[in-house]
Amino acid sequence: MESADRSRSLVRAGDLDGLGSVYSEEGSLIARSEEKTLGTGEGWEVNIRSPWRTVFPRTIFPGFGGASSSKLYVTTERIVLVRDINVWRELKDELSPLGVPTAAAKEIRLQKLKSAGARQYCEIRPRDFRVVKLKKSNKRSSWLDLRLIGSDERQYAITVWKTNGVDRGTLSIVESLFLR
């Protein structure tokens, strides 16, 4: 059971805790009452940091380069990214002589989550943010970079991008939710 504080947070990220509440066993979105799906897109990634400064920001949800087996759901209330757990992507940054014990423990944990049917998810409530800065590109790939102030007065840096190709429709829907 999730705490009341966690359910009210502007950005939620996790894995097994979202199974059955955010996403189903098949990896599709579990919609809330009175929530309508505006669009879905395959192969998207999200990177979220808070605060947005470049020195020692806290990463809430890490995005990865390269092709991704993920799905982005855009609804009237929230934006949700659900992706399969890729153990190699999670571990490759920690594979140094000093990081091997940590990487081994993390690999065991990720394999257990994967076998339990868990996926990684990130849930954003765009109406609770004020846009400070927005950059967008639709040339080689669809990409949106946002600097936001949340209703909790914290700074957030959110980057949303399509890992392969261009998807102008989904990107414009995501952008429109933040500009309301």
N, C-alpha and C. Protein backbone atom coordinates (compact mmCIF):
# COMPACT_ATOMS: atom_id res chain seq x y z
N MET A 1 0.86 -1.18 0.00
CA MET A 1 0.00 0.00 0.00
C MET A 1 0.90 1.23 0.00
N GLU A 2 0.61 2.18 -0.86
CA GLU A 2 1.45 3.38 -0.94
C GLU A 2 0.98 4.42 0.06
N SER A 3 1.89 5.22 0.52
CA SER A 3 1.54 6.25 1.50
C SER A 3 0.78 7.38 0.82
N ALA A 4 0.05 8.14 1.62
CA ALA A 4 -0.73 9.26 1.08
C ALA A 4 0.19 10.31 0.48
N ASP A 5 1.36 10.54 1.10
CA ASP A 5 2.31 11.53 0.59
C ASP A 5 2.81 11.13 -0.79
N ARG A 6 3.11 9.85 -0.99
CA ARG A 6 3.63 9.39 -2.28
C ARG A 6 2.57 9.50 -3.37
N SER A 7 1.30 9.27 -3.03
CA SER A 7 0.25 9.33 -4.04
C SER A 7 -0.02 10.77 -4.48
N ARG A 8 0.33 11.77 -3.66
CA ARG A 8 0.12 13.17 -4.03
C ARG A 8 1.33 13.79 -4.69
N SER A 9 2.43 13.10 -4.80
CA SER A 9 3.64 13.68 -5.36
C SER A 9 3.43 14.01 -6.85
N LEU A 10 4.12 15.03 -7.31
CA LEU A 10 3.96 15.50 -8.69
C LEU A 10 4.57 14.54 -9.69
N VAL A 11 5.67 13.90 -9.31
CA VAL A 11 6.35 12.94 -10.17
C VAL A 11 6.55 11.67 -9.36
N ARG A 12 6.06 10.55 -9.88
CA ARG A 12 6.25 9.26 -9.23
C ARG A 12 7.04 8.37 -10.16
N ALA A 13 7.96 7.62 -9.60
CA ALA A 13 8.75 6.66 -10.38
C ALA A 13 8.95 5.42 -9.53
N GLY A 14 8.98 4.29 -10.19
CA GLY A 14 9.18 3.05 -9.46
C GLY A 14 9.17 1.85 -10.38
N ASP A 15 8.91 0.70 -9.79
CA ASP A 15 8.86 -0.53 -10.58
C ASP A 15 7.74 -1.42 -10.07
N LEU A 16 7.98 -2.30 -9.14
CA LEU A 16 6.99 -3.26 -8.68
C LEU A 16 5.81 -2.60 -7.98
N ASP A 17 6.03 -1.45 -7.34
CA ASP A 17 4.95 -0.76 -6.63
C ASP A 17 3.85 -0.25 -7.55
N GLY A 18 4.12 -0.14 -8.85
CA GLY A 18 3.12 0.33 -9.79
C GLY A 18 2.31 -0.78 -10.44
N LEU A 19 2.72 -2.03 -10.25
CA LEU A 19 2.01 -3.17 -10.83
C LEU A 19 0.63 -3.29 -10.21
N GLY A 20 -0.38 -3.19 -11.05
CA GLY A 20 -1.76 -3.28 -10.59
C GLY A 20 -2.38 -1.94 -10.23
N SER A 21 -1.56 -0.89 -10.08
CA SER A 21 -2.12 0.44 -9.79
C SER A 21 -1.84 1.43 -10.91
N VAL A 22 -0.65 1.37 -11.50
CA VAL A 22 -0.29 2.27 -12.61
C VAL A 22 -0.32 1.51 -13.93
N TYR A 23 0.21 0.30 -13.95
CA TYR A 23 0.23 -0.51 -15.17
C TYR A 23 -0.20 -1.94 -14.85
N SER A 24 -0.72 -2.63 -15.87
CA SER A 24 -1.18 -4.00 -15.70
C SER A 24 -0.03 -4.98 -15.91
N GLU A 25 -0.30 -6.26 -15.75
CA GLU A 25 0.72 -7.29 -15.94
C GLU A 25 1.24 -7.30 -17.37
N GLU A 26 0.42 -6.89 -18.33
CA GLU A 26 0.84 -6.82 -19.73
C GLU A 26 1.63 -5.56 -20.04
N GLY A 27 1.65 -4.62 -19.12
CA GLY A 27 2.40 -3.38 -19.31
C GLY A 27 1.55 -2.23 -19.83
N SER A 28 0.24 -2.41 -19.91
CA SER A 28 -0.62 -1.32 -20.38
C SER A 28 -1.07 -0.47 -19.19
N LEU A 29 -1.46 0.74 -19.48
CA LEU A 29 -1.86 1.71 -18.46
C LEU A 29 -3.19 1.33 -17.83
N ILE A 30 -3.27 1.49 -16.52
CA ILE A 30 -4.53 1.34 -15.81
C ILE A 30 -5.08 2.75 -15.62
N ALA A 31 -6.16 3.04 -16.33
CA ALA A 31 -6.73 4.39 -16.31
C ALA A 31 -7.53 4.61 -15.04
N ARG A 32 -7.51 5.84 -14.59
CA ARG A 32 -8.31 6.25 -13.44
C ARG A 32 -9.69 6.66 -13.91
N SER A 33 -10.62 6.80 -12.98
CA SER A 33 -11.97 7.21 -13.36
C SER A 33 -11.94 8.63 -13.91
N GLU A 34 -12.74 8.89 -14.91
CA GLU A 34 -12.86 10.19 -15.59
C GLU A 34 -11.56 10.63 -16.27
N GLU A 35 -10.69 9.70 -16.58
CA GLU A 35 -9.44 10.00 -17.28
C GLU A 35 -9.55 9.46 -18.70
N LYS A 36 -9.20 10.30 -19.67
CA LYS A 36 -9.28 9.89 -21.08
C LYS A 36 -7.88 9.86 -21.67
N THR A 37 -7.62 8.86 -22.49
CA THR A 37 -6.33 8.73 -23.15
C THR A 37 -6.30 9.65 -24.37
N LEU A 38 -5.32 10.55 -24.43
CA LEU A 38 -5.17 11.47 -25.56
C LEU A 38 -4.26 10.90 -26.64
N GLY A 39 -3.30 10.06 -26.24
CA GLY A 39 -2.38 9.48 -27.20
C GLY A 39 -1.44 8.49 -26.54
N THR A 40 -0.89 7.61 -27.36
CA THR A 40 0.13 6.67 -26.90
C THR A 40 1.24 6.64 -27.93
N GLY A 41 2.42 6.32 -27.49
CA GLY A 41 3.57 6.24 -28.40
C GLY A 41 4.54 5.17 -27.96
N GLU A 42 5.10 4.47 -28.91
CA GLU A 42 6.09 3.42 -28.64
C GLU A 42 7.50 4.00 -28.74
N GLY A 43 8.43 3.49 -27.95
CA GLY A 43 9.84 3.86 -28.06
C GLY A 43 10.17 5.26 -27.57
N TRP A 44 9.61 5.68 -26.47
CA TRP A 44 9.90 6.98 -25.87
C TRP A 44 10.75 6.80 -24.63
N GLU A 45 11.45 7.84 -24.24
CA GLU A 45 12.24 7.86 -23.00
C GLU A 45 11.99 9.17 -22.27
N VAL A 46 12.18 9.15 -20.95
CA VAL A 46 12.01 10.32 -20.10
C VAL A 46 13.17 10.36 -19.12
N ASN A 47 13.71 11.56 -18.90
CA ASN A 47 14.73 11.78 -17.89
C ASN A 47 14.23 12.90 -16.98
N ILE A 48 14.21 12.66 -15.67
CA ILE A 48 13.70 13.66 -14.73
C ILE A 48 14.73 13.87 -13.62
N ARG A 49 15.07 15.15 -13.41
CA ARG A 49 15.99 15.55 -12.35
C ARG A 49 15.35 16.65 -11.52
N SER A 50 15.76 16.72 -10.26
CA SER A 50 15.30 17.82 -9.42
C SER A 50 16.40 18.11 -8.42
N PRO A 51 16.83 19.31 -8.26
CA PRO A 51 16.55 20.51 -9.05
C PRO A 51 17.24 20.43 -10.41
N TRP A 52 17.01 21.44 -11.25
CA TRP A 52 17.51 21.36 -12.62
C TRP A 52 18.96 21.78 -12.78
N ARG A 53 19.59 22.21 -11.71
CA ARG A 53 21.00 22.61 -11.81
C ARG A 53 21.84 21.43 -12.29
N THR A 54 23.00 21.71 -12.84
CA THR A 54 23.84 20.66 -13.40
C THR A 54 24.81 20.06 -12.40
N VAL A 55 25.02 20.69 -11.26
CA VAL A 55 25.93 20.17 -10.25
C VAL A 55 25.12 19.45 -9.18
N PHE A 56 25.30 18.16 -9.07
CA PHE A 56 24.67 17.30 -8.08
C PHE A 56 23.14 17.33 -8.06
N PRO A 57 22.49 17.24 -9.20
CA PRO A 57 21.03 17.12 -9.15
C PRO A 57 20.64 15.70 -8.75
N ARG A 58 19.49 15.54 -8.21
CA ARG A 58 18.98 14.21 -7.85
C ARG A 58 18.19 13.68 -9.05
N THR A 59 18.55 12.51 -9.54
CA THR A 59 17.83 11.91 -10.65
C THR A 59 16.64 11.15 -10.10
N ILE A 60 15.45 11.54 -10.54
CA ILE A 60 14.23 10.88 -10.11
C ILE A 60 13.94 9.68 -11.00
N PHE A 61 14.14 9.85 -12.31
CA PHE A 61 13.93 8.77 -13.27
C PHE A 61 14.95 8.93 -14.38
N PRO A 62 15.88 7.97 -14.54
CA PRO A 62 16.91 8.10 -15.57
C PRO A 62 16.43 7.65 -16.94
N GLY A 63 16.75 8.42 -17.95
CA GLY A 63 16.48 8.02 -19.32
C GLY A 63 17.73 7.41 -19.91
N PHE A 64 17.56 6.54 -20.89
CA PHE A 64 18.69 5.85 -21.51
C PHE A 64 18.72 6.15 -23.00
N GLY A 65 19.90 6.16 -23.58
CA GLY A 65 20.05 6.33 -25.02
C GLY A 65 19.81 5.02 -25.74
N GLY A 66 19.60 5.09 -27.02
CA GLY A 66 19.39 3.88 -27.81
C GLY A 66 17.93 3.46 -27.84
N ALA A 67 17.67 2.40 -28.58
CA ALA A 67 16.30 1.90 -28.72
C ALA A 67 15.75 1.46 -27.37
N SER A 68 14.46 1.64 -27.20
CA SER A 68 13.83 1.34 -25.93
C SER A 68 12.52 0.59 -26.17
N SER A 69 12.25 -0.39 -25.32
CA SER A 69 10.97 -1.09 -25.37
C SER A 69 10.06 -0.46 -24.31
N SER A 70 9.55 0.71 -24.65
CA SER A 70 8.73 1.45 -23.71
C SER A 70 7.49 1.97 -24.41
N LYS A 71 6.55 2.40 -23.59
CA LYS A 71 5.32 2.98 -24.13
C LYS A 71 4.98 4.21 -23.31
N LEU A 72 4.68 5.29 -24.02
CA LEU A 72 4.31 6.56 -23.39
C LEU A 72 2.80 6.73 -23.52
N TYR A 73 2.14 6.92 -22.38
CA TYR A 73 0.69 7.14 -22.35
C TYR A 73 0.44 8.58 -21.95
N VAL A 74 -0.33 9.28 -22.74
CA VAL A 74 -0.68 10.67 -22.44
C VAL A 74 -2.18 10.72 -22.23
N THR A 75 -2.59 11.11 -21.02
CA THR A 75 -4.00 11.19 -20.68
C THR A 75 -4.35 12.63 -20.29
N THR A 76 -5.60 12.85 -19.97
CA THR A 76 -6.03 14.19 -19.57
C THR A 76 -5.45 14.59 -18.22
N GLU A 77 -5.06 13.63 -17.39
CA GLU A 77 -4.57 13.91 -16.04
C GLU A 77 -3.07 13.75 -15.86
N ARG A 78 -2.44 12.86 -16.66
CA ARG A 78 -1.04 12.53 -16.41
C ARG A 78 -0.35 12.02 -17.66
N ILE A 79 0.98 11.97 -17.56
CA ILE A 79 1.83 11.37 -18.59
C ILE A 79 2.54 10.21 -17.91
N VAL A 80 2.44 9.02 -18.49
CA VAL A 80 3.02 7.83 -17.87
C VAL A 80 3.89 7.11 -18.89
N LEU A 81 5.13 6.84 -18.50
CA LEU A 81 6.03 6.03 -19.32
C LEU A 81 6.20 4.69 -18.61
N VAL A 82 5.97 3.60 -19.35
CA VAL A 82 6.15 2.25 -18.83
C VAL A 82 7.16 1.56 -19.74
N ARG A 83 8.25 1.05 -19.15
CA ARG A 83 9.27 0.38 -19.96
C ARG A 83 9.71 -0.92 -19.29
N ASP A 84 10.14 -1.84 -20.14
CA ASP A 84 10.67 -3.11 -19.65
C ASP A 84 11.99 -2.85 -18.94
N ILE A 85 12.29 -3.67 -17.94
CA ILE A 85 13.56 -3.55 -17.23
C ILE A 85 14.67 -4.14 -18.09
N ASN A 86 15.69 -3.35 -18.38
CA ASN A 86 16.84 -3.79 -19.14
C ASN A 86 18.04 -3.80 -18.18
N VAL A 87 18.41 -5.00 -17.74
CA VAL A 87 19.43 -5.14 -16.70
C VAL A 87 20.77 -4.57 -17.16
N TRP A 88 21.17 -4.80 -18.40
CA TRP A 88 22.46 -4.31 -18.89
C TRP A 88 22.53 -2.79 -18.84
N ARG A 89 21.49 -2.10 -19.28
CA ARG A 89 21.48 -0.63 -19.24
C ARG A 89 21.63 -0.11 -17.82
N GLU A 90 20.99 -0.77 -16.89
CA GLU A 90 21.05 -0.34 -15.50
C GLU A 90 22.44 -0.56 -14.88
N LEU A 91 23.13 -1.60 -15.34
CA LEU A 91 24.39 -1.97 -14.70
C LEU A 91 25.64 -1.42 -15.34
N LYS A 92 25.61 -1.09 -16.62
CA LYS A 92 26.85 -0.78 -17.32
C LYS A 92 27.62 0.41 -16.76
N ASP A 93 26.95 1.38 -16.14
CA ASP A 93 27.65 2.51 -15.54
C ASP A 93 28.37 2.14 -14.25
N GLU A 94 27.97 1.06 -13.62
CA GLU A 94 28.56 0.66 -12.34
C GLU A 94 29.65 -0.39 -12.49
N LEU A 95 29.92 -0.83 -13.70
CA LEU A 95 30.90 -1.89 -13.90
C LEU A 95 32.32 -1.33 -13.96
N SER A 96 32.84 -1.03 -12.80
CA SER A 96 34.23 -0.64 -12.62
C SER A 96 34.76 -1.55 -11.51
N PRO A 97 36.08 -1.61 -11.32
CA PRO A 97 36.59 -2.49 -10.27
C PRO A 97 35.99 -2.23 -8.89
N LEU A 98 35.70 -1.00 -8.57
CA LEU A 98 35.13 -0.70 -7.25
C LEU A 98 33.61 -0.89 -7.22
N GLY A 99 32.97 -0.89 -8.37
CA GLY A 99 31.52 -0.98 -8.40
C GLY A 99 30.96 -2.37 -8.63
N VAL A 100 31.81 -3.38 -8.79
CA VAL A 100 31.35 -4.74 -9.09
C VAL A 100 30.45 -5.31 -7.98
N PRO A 101 30.78 -5.19 -6.70
CA PRO A 101 29.87 -5.73 -5.68
C PRO A 101 28.49 -5.06 -5.71
N THR A 102 28.46 -3.76 -5.91
CA THR A 102 27.19 -3.05 -6.00
C THR A 102 26.41 -3.49 -7.23
N ALA A 103 27.10 -3.64 -8.34
CA ALA A 103 26.46 -4.06 -9.58
C ALA A 103 25.90 -5.47 -9.45
N ALA A 104 26.60 -6.36 -8.76
CA ALA A 104 26.12 -7.72 -8.58
C ALA A 104 24.84 -7.75 -7.75
N ALA A 105 24.81 -6.97 -6.69
CA ALA A 105 23.61 -6.90 -5.85
C ALA A 105 22.44 -6.29 -6.63
N LYS A 106 22.73 -5.27 -7.41
CA LYS A 106 21.68 -4.62 -8.20
C LYS A 106 21.16 -5.57 -9.28
N GLU A 107 22.05 -6.37 -9.88
CA GLU A 107 21.63 -7.32 -10.90
C GLU A 107 20.67 -8.36 -10.32
N ILE A 108 20.96 -8.85 -9.15
CA ILE A 108 20.09 -9.83 -8.50
C ILE A 108 18.72 -9.23 -8.23
N ARG A 109 18.70 -8.00 -7.72
CA ARG A 109 17.42 -7.32 -7.44
C ARG A 109 16.62 -7.10 -8.71
N LEU A 110 17.28 -6.64 -9.79
CA LEU A 110 16.59 -6.39 -11.06
C LEU A 110 16.07 -7.68 -11.69
N GLN A 111 16.82 -8.76 -11.59
CA GLN A 111 16.37 -10.05 -12.13
C GLN A 111 15.12 -10.54 -11.39
N LYS A 112 15.09 -10.33 -10.06
CA LYS A 112 13.90 -10.71 -9.28
C LYS A 112 12.69 -9.89 -9.69
N LEU A 113 12.89 -8.59 -9.87
CA LEU A 113 11.79 -7.72 -10.30
C LEU A 113 11.27 -8.14 -11.67
N LYS A 114 12.19 -8.41 -12.57
CA LYS A 114 11.83 -8.80 -13.93
C LYS A 114 11.05 -10.12 -13.93
N SER A 115 11.48 -11.07 -13.12
CA SER A 115 10.78 -12.36 -13.06
C SER A 115 9.40 -12.23 -12.41
N ALA A 116 9.21 -11.22 -11.58
CA ALA A 116 7.90 -10.98 -10.95
C ALA A 116 6.95 -10.23 -11.88
N GLY A 117 7.42 -9.87 -13.07
CA GLY A 117 6.57 -9.17 -14.04
C GLY A 117 6.58 -7.66 -13.88
N ALA A 118 7.53 -7.14 -13.14
CA ALA A 118 7.59 -5.69 -12.91
C ALA A 118 8.19 -4.97 -14.12
N ARG A 119 7.80 -3.74 -14.27
CA ARG A 119 8.36 -2.84 -15.27
C ARG A 119 8.70 -1.54 -14.56
N GLN A 120 9.52 -0.72 -15.19
CA GLN A 120 9.81 0.60 -14.64
C GLN A 120 8.76 1.57 -15.15
N TYR A 121 8.33 2.46 -14.29
CA TYR A 121 7.34 3.45 -14.71
C TYR A 121 7.70 4.82 -14.15
N CYS A 122 7.18 5.82 -14.83
CA CYS A 122 7.31 7.20 -14.40
C CYS A 122 5.98 7.88 -14.68
N GLU A 123 5.44 8.56 -13.69
CA GLU A 123 4.14 9.20 -13.80
C GLU A 123 4.29 10.69 -13.48
N ILE A 124 3.83 11.54 -14.39
CA ILE A 124 3.95 12.99 -14.24
C ILE A 124 2.56 13.60 -14.31
N ARG A 125 2.27 14.53 -13.42
CA ARG A 125 1.00 15.28 -13.46
C ARG A 125 1.29 16.68 -13.99
N PRO A 126 1.14 16.92 -15.29
CA PRO A 126 1.57 18.19 -15.90
C PRO A 126 0.81 19.43 -15.43
N ARG A 127 -0.40 19.28 -14.96
CA ARG A 127 -1.17 20.46 -14.53
C ARG A 127 -0.61 21.10 -13.27
N ASP A 128 0.22 20.38 -12.55
CA ASP A 128 0.78 20.89 -11.30
C ASP A 128 2.13 21.58 -11.50
N PHE A 129 2.46 21.93 -12.75
CA PHE A 129 3.74 22.56 -13.05
C PHE A 129 3.54 23.89 -13.77
N ARG A 130 4.51 24.77 -13.55
CA ARG A 130 4.58 26.03 -14.29
C ARG A 130 5.84 25.98 -15.13
N VAL A 131 5.70 26.21 -16.43
CA VAL A 131 6.83 26.12 -17.35
C VAL A 131 7.68 27.39 -17.24
N VAL A 132 8.98 27.20 -17.02
CA VAL A 132 9.93 28.30 -16.96
C VAL A 132 10.68 28.40 -18.29
N LYS A 133 11.04 27.25 -18.85
CA LYS A 133 11.79 27.21 -20.10
C LYS A 133 11.39 25.96 -20.88
N LEU A 134 11.27 26.11 -22.20
CA LEU A 134 10.88 24.99 -23.04
C LEU A 134 11.71 25.00 -24.31
N LYS A 135 12.31 23.87 -24.64
CA LYS A 135 13.02 23.69 -25.91
C LYS A 135 12.42 22.47 -26.59
N LYS A 136 12.30 22.56 -27.92
CA LYS A 136 11.65 21.49 -28.66
C LYS A 136 12.34 21.28 -29.98
N SER A 137 12.40 20.02 -30.44
CA SER A 137 12.98 19.70 -31.74
C SER A 137 12.17 18.59 -32.37
N ASN A 138 11.97 18.69 -33.68
CA ASN A 138 11.26 17.65 -34.43
C ASN A 138 11.99 17.35 -35.73
N LYS A 139 13.28 17.57 -35.78
CA LYS A 139 14.02 17.36 -37.03
C LYS A 139 14.43 15.91 -37.20
N ARG A 140 15.45 15.46 -36.50
CA ARG A 140 15.90 14.06 -36.62
C ARG A 140 15.12 13.15 -35.68
N SER A 141 14.76 13.68 -34.52
CA SER A 141 13.94 12.93 -33.57
C SER A 141 13.07 13.92 -32.82
N SER A 142 12.00 13.42 -32.24
CA SER A 142 11.12 14.26 -31.44
C SER A 142 11.71 14.38 -30.05
N TRP A 143 11.84 15.62 -29.57
CA TRP A 143 12.54 15.87 -28.32
C TRP A 143 11.96 17.11 -27.67
N LEU A 144 11.70 17.06 -26.35
CA LEU A 144 11.16 18.18 -25.60
C LEU A 144 11.91 18.28 -24.27
N ASP A 145 12.48 19.46 -24.02
CA ASP A 145 13.24 19.71 -22.80
C ASP A 145 12.53 20.81 -22.02
N LEU A 146 12.16 20.54 -20.77
CA LEU A 146 11.39 21.47 -19.96
C LEU A 146 12.11 21.78 -18.65
N ARG A 147 12.03 23.03 -18.23
CA ARG A 147 12.45 23.45 -16.90
C ARG A 147 11.16 23.94 -16.24
N LEU A 148 10.83 23.33 -15.11
CA LEU A 148 9.53 23.55 -14.49
C LEU A 148 9.66 23.88 -13.02
N ILE A 149 8.65 24.59 -12.51
CA ILE A 149 8.49 24.80 -11.08
C ILE A 149 7.18 24.10 -10.72
N GLY A 150 7.27 23.19 -9.76
CA GLY A 150 6.08 22.45 -9.36
C GLY A 150 5.25 23.22 -8.35
N SER A 151 4.03 22.75 -8.12
CA SER A 151 3.17 23.38 -7.12
C SER A 151 3.75 23.21 -5.71
N ASP A 152 4.72 22.31 -5.56
CA ASP A 152 5.43 22.14 -4.29
C ASP A 152 6.64 23.07 -4.19
N GLU A 153 6.80 23.99 -5.18
CA GLU A 153 7.86 24.99 -5.25
C GLU A 153 9.25 24.39 -5.51
N ARG A 154 9.32 23.14 -5.94
CA ARG A 154 10.60 22.52 -6.31
C ARG A 154 10.83 22.69 -7.80
N GLN A 155 12.12 22.68 -8.18
CA GLN A 155 12.50 22.76 -9.58
C GLN A 155 12.60 21.36 -10.16
N TYR A 156 12.13 21.20 -11.41
CA TYR A 156 12.22 19.93 -12.10
C TYR A 156 12.74 20.16 -13.51
N ALA A 157 13.61 19.27 -13.96
CA ALA A 157 14.06 19.26 -15.36
C ALA A 157 13.54 17.96 -15.96
N ILE A 158 12.68 18.09 -16.95
CA ILE A 158 12.08 16.92 -17.59
C ILE A 158 12.42 16.95 -19.07
N THR A 159 13.00 15.86 -19.55
CA THR A 159 13.31 15.71 -20.96
C THR A 159 12.57 14.48 -21.47
N VAL A 160 11.82 14.66 -22.54
CA VAL A 160 11.05 13.59 -23.16
C VAL A 160 11.53 13.47 -24.60
N TRP A 161 11.89 12.26 -25.06
CA TRP A 161 12.34 12.11 -26.44
C TRP A 161 11.96 10.75 -27.01
N LYS A 162 11.82 10.73 -28.32
CA LYS A 162 11.56 9.49 -29.07
C LYS A 162 12.92 8.90 -29.39
N THR A 163 13.12 7.62 -29.08
CA THR A 163 14.44 7.02 -29.24
C THR A 163 14.80 6.77 -30.70
N ASN A 164 13.83 6.57 -31.55
CA ASN A 164 14.13 6.36 -32.97
C ASN A 164 13.02 6.97 -33.83
N GLY A 165 13.40 7.98 -34.58
CA GLY A 165 12.44 8.59 -35.48
C GLY A 165 11.74 9.81 -34.90
N VAL A 166 10.70 10.21 -35.62
CA VAL A 166 9.95 11.41 -35.27
C VAL A 166 8.49 11.03 -35.02
N ASP A 167 7.90 11.61 -33.99
CA ASP A 167 6.49 11.42 -33.68
C ASP A 167 5.93 12.77 -33.26
N ARG A 168 5.63 13.59 -34.25
CA ARG A 168 5.17 14.96 -33.98
C ARG A 168 3.84 15.00 -33.22
N GLY A 169 2.96 14.07 -33.51
CA GLY A 169 1.65 14.05 -32.87
C GLY A 169 1.73 13.87 -31.36
N THR A 170 2.44 12.85 -30.93
CA THR A 170 2.57 12.58 -29.50
C THR A 170 3.32 13.72 -28.80
N LEU A 171 4.37 14.24 -29.44
CA LEU A 171 5.14 15.33 -28.84
C LEU A 171 4.28 16.58 -28.66
N SER A 172 3.44 16.90 -29.63
CA SER A 172 2.59 18.09 -29.50
C SER A 172 1.54 17.91 -28.42
N ILE A 173 1.06 16.69 -28.22
CA ILE A 173 0.10 16.44 -27.14
C ILE A 173 0.77 16.63 -25.78
N VAL A 174 2.00 16.10 -25.63
CA VAL A 174 2.75 16.26 -24.38
C VAL A 174 3.00 17.75 -24.11
N GLU A 175 3.44 18.47 -25.12
CA GLU A 175 3.72 19.89 -24.98
C GLU A 175 2.47 20.67 -24.59
N SER A 176 1.34 20.35 -25.21
CA SER A 176 0.10 21.07 -24.92
C SER A 176 -0.37 20.87 -23.47
N LEU A 177 -0.10 19.71 -22.88
CA LEU A 177 -0.49 19.48 -21.50
C LEU A 177 0.28 20.38 -20.54
N PHE A 178 1.54 20.65 -20.83
CA PHE A 178 2.32 21.52 -19.95
C PHE A 178 2.01 22.99 -20.17
N LEU A 179 1.51 23.36 -21.32
CA LEU A 179 1.26 24.77 -21.62
C LEU A 179 -0.15 25.21 -21.27
N ARG A 180 -0.94 24.37 -20.65
CA ARG A 180 -2.30 24.75 -20.24
C ARG A 180 -2.29 25.72 -19.10
